[in-house]
Amino acid sequence: MIHTDTNETTDERISSKFDYQVEQVPLLTQDGQATRFFGTRRTDTGEVFATVTDRYEILQNDTLLNSSEALFKDKGMSVFKRKEIVTHGGARMRALYDFPNIGAKVDGQDLTFRLSVQNSFDGSLRASFQVGMVRLICTN
C-alpha cells in the first residue's frame, strides 16, 4: 500500500506540489546575443532559479521519486508513507519516506526506518538520499 500526502500547506513558501517540470533555457545579453550560460526555469510559472553552464544536468523531481519507488518495490519495501516538501518557489524539494513495517525497539523506544530524498534546481542541494530512524511517540 502506498500513501502519498499531497495536502497543500497554507504557507505559500512551502507546498507539496513536486511534479512540475524544469527546463534549461539559454540566457541572452540585452541585445539578444547568446552567452555561455543557461537558466533553470520552472515551465508552469516561468520562475528562473539559477544560472548554470551547459554541464549542468536537470533531474526532474518526478523522475527521481518514481525511480526511488520502483527500487523500493523491487526490494520488497512497498509499504510507505511519503510527504513532499517544496520550498523556494520550487527550487528545492525533499521527500520523506517512512516505512512503518521496517523498524526496531531500542531501549523500549519504537523506531521506524525513514529515507529522505532531496533535489534542487538552483544548485543548493545535490540529488541525494539520507537514511535515518524516527522515534514513534504515539501511533494512534
Protein backbone atom coordinates (compact mmCIF):
# COMPACT_ATOMS: atom_id res chain seq x y z
CA MET A 1 0.00 0.00 0.00
CA ILE A 2 1.34 3.39 -0.97
CA HIS A 3 0.01 6.54 0.64
CA THR A 4 1.00 9.95 -0.66
CA ASP A 5 0.46 13.05 1.46
CA THR A 6 -0.19 15.83 -1.05
CA ASN A 7 -2.06 18.40 1.01
CA GLU A 8 -1.09 21.96 0.18
CA THR A 9 0.03 23.94 3.20
CA THR A 10 -1.22 27.41 4.00
CA ASP A 11 2.32 28.84 3.83
CA GLU A 12 2.89 29.91 0.20
CA ARG A 13 6.63 29.36 0.55
CA ILE A 14 6.16 25.64 1.28
CA SER A 15 3.99 23.25 -0.71
CA SER A 16 3.75 19.59 -1.59
CA LYS A 17 3.35 20.04 -5.37
CA PHE A 18 6.54 18.40 -6.60
CA ASP A 19 5.76 17.19 -10.13
CA TYR A 20 6.27 20.43 -12.07
CA GLN A 21 8.85 20.46 -14.86
CA VAL A 22 12.06 22.50 -15.06
CA GLU A 23 13.91 23.30 -18.26
CA GLN A 24 17.29 24.73 -19.12
CA VAL A 25 16.99 27.86 -21.29
CA PRO A 26 19.76 29.97 -22.90
CA LEU A 27 20.49 33.31 -21.28
CA LEU A 28 20.95 36.17 -23.71
CA THR A 29 22.53 39.59 -23.41
CA GLN A 30 20.33 42.70 -23.58
CA ASP A 31 20.93 42.92 -27.34
CA GLY A 32 19.97 39.26 -27.88
CA GLN A 33 23.43 37.75 -28.16
CA ALA A 34 23.89 34.21 -26.86
CA THR A 35 26.03 33.68 -23.76
CA ARG A 36 27.64 30.51 -22.47
CA PHE A 37 25.14 30.47 -19.60
CA PHE A 38 21.70 28.97 -19.17
CA GLY A 39 18.92 29.43 -16.66
CA THR A 40 16.96 26.70 -14.93
CA ARG A 41 13.32 27.72 -15.35
CA ARG A 42 10.10 26.25 -13.99
CA THR A 43 7.84 25.71 -17.01
CA ASP A 44 4.48 26.33 -15.29
CA THR A 45 5.37 29.62 -13.55
CA GLY A 46 8.33 30.82 -15.63
CA GLU A 47 10.41 31.40 -12.50
CA VAL A 48 14.16 31.21 -13.12
CA PHE A 49 16.05 29.51 -10.29
CA ALA A 50 19.74 29.70 -11.19
CA THR A 51 22.36 30.47 -13.78
CA VAL A 52 24.19 27.34 -14.94
CA THR A 53 26.52 26.19 -17.69
CA ASP A 54 25.89 23.54 -20.34
CA ARG A 55 27.46 20.97 -17.98
CA TYR A 56 24.51 21.21 -15.56
CA GLU A 57 22.01 18.39 -15.93
CA ILE A 58 18.43 18.70 -14.71
CA LEU A 59 16.94 15.76 -12.79
CA GLN A 60 13.16 16.16 -12.62
CA ASN A 61 11.60 15.53 -9.20
CA ASP A 62 9.04 13.07 -10.52
CA THR A 63 11.78 11.04 -12.24
CA LEU A 64 13.79 10.89 -9.00
CA LEU A 65 10.80 9.85 -6.88
CA ASN A 66 9.39 7.35 -9.41
CA SER A 67 12.81 5.70 -9.77
CA SER A 68 13.23 5.57 -5.99
CA GLU A 69 9.82 4.00 -5.51
CA ALA A 70 10.46 1.41 -8.22
CA LEU A 71 13.63 0.45 -6.35
CA PHE A 72 11.72 0.23 -3.05
CA LYS A 73 9.21 -2.11 -4.68
CA ASP A 74 11.99 -4.28 -6.16
CA LYS A 75 13.50 -4.62 -2.67
CA GLY A 76 10.18 -5.58 -1.03
CA MET A 77 9.68 -2.15 0.60
CA SER A 78 6.30 -1.36 -0.94
CA VAL A 79 4.58 -0.10 2.23
CA PHE A 80 5.49 3.50 2.97
CA LYS A 81 4.12 6.96 3.55
CA ARG A 82 5.57 9.84 1.52
CA LYS A 83 5.49 13.53 2.34
CA GLU A 84 6.79 16.06 -0.17
CA ILE A 85 8.17 19.43 0.89
CA VAL A 86 8.83 22.00 -1.83
CA THR A 87 10.45 25.34 -0.93
CA HIS A 88 11.93 28.45 -2.54
CA GLY A 89 9.26 28.59 -5.25
CA GLY A 90 10.09 25.08 -6.41
CA ALA A 91 13.87 25.41 -6.45
CA ARG A 92 14.23 22.77 -3.70
CA MET A 93 12.35 19.55 -2.97
CA ARG A 94 12.58 16.99 -0.20
CA ALA A 95 10.52 13.82 0.08
CA LEU A 96 10.32 11.98 3.39
CA TYR A 97 9.58 8.26 3.20
CA ASP A 98 8.51 6.48 6.37
CA PHE A 99 8.42 2.68 6.32
CA PRO A 100 6.15 1.55 9.19
CA ASN A 101 6.91 -2.14 8.63
CA ILE A 102 10.68 -1.67 8.98
CA GLY A 103 11.93 -0.80 12.43
CA ALA A 104 13.15 -1.92 15.80
CA LYS A 105 12.62 -1.46 19.52
CA VAL A 106 15.66 0.07 21.22
CA ASP A 107 15.65 0.66 24.99
CA GLY A 108 11.86 0.46 24.98
CA GLN A 109 11.53 3.01 22.15
CA ASP A 110 9.78 2.11 18.89
CA LEU A 111 11.85 3.23 15.88
CA THR A 112 10.91 3.08 12.20
CA PHE A 113 13.03 3.48 9.10
CA ARG A 114 12.99 6.87 7.32
CA LEU A 115 14.56 7.75 4.00
CA SER A 116 14.86 11.36 2.85
CA VAL A 117 15.29 12.14 -0.85
CA GLN A 118 16.28 15.65 -1.93
CA ASN A 119 16.79 17.55 -5.16
CA SER A 120 17.20 21.15 -6.27
CA PHE A 121 17.20 23.21 -9.43
CA ASP A 122 19.27 26.09 -8.06
CA GLY A 123 22.43 24.15 -7.20
CA SER A 124 21.85 24.38 -3.44
CA LEU A 125 21.19 20.64 -2.92
CA ARG A 126 22.56 17.64 -4.72
CA ALA A 127 20.15 14.89 -5.62
CA SER A 128 20.81 12.58 -2.69
CA PHE A 129 19.42 10.22 -0.07
CA GLN A 130 19.68 10.30 3.72
CA VAL A 131 18.88 7.34 5.94
CA GLY A 132 17.57 7.66 9.47
CA MET A 133 15.22 6.39 12.11
CA VAL A 134 12.09 8.01 13.53
CA ARG A 135 11.08 7.56 17.14
CA LEU A 136 7.40 6.76 17.46
CA ILE A 137 5.80 8.57 20.37
CA CYS A 138 2.16 7.76 19.65
CA THR A 139 0.84 5.58 16.84
CA ASN A 140 -2.90 6.16 17.22
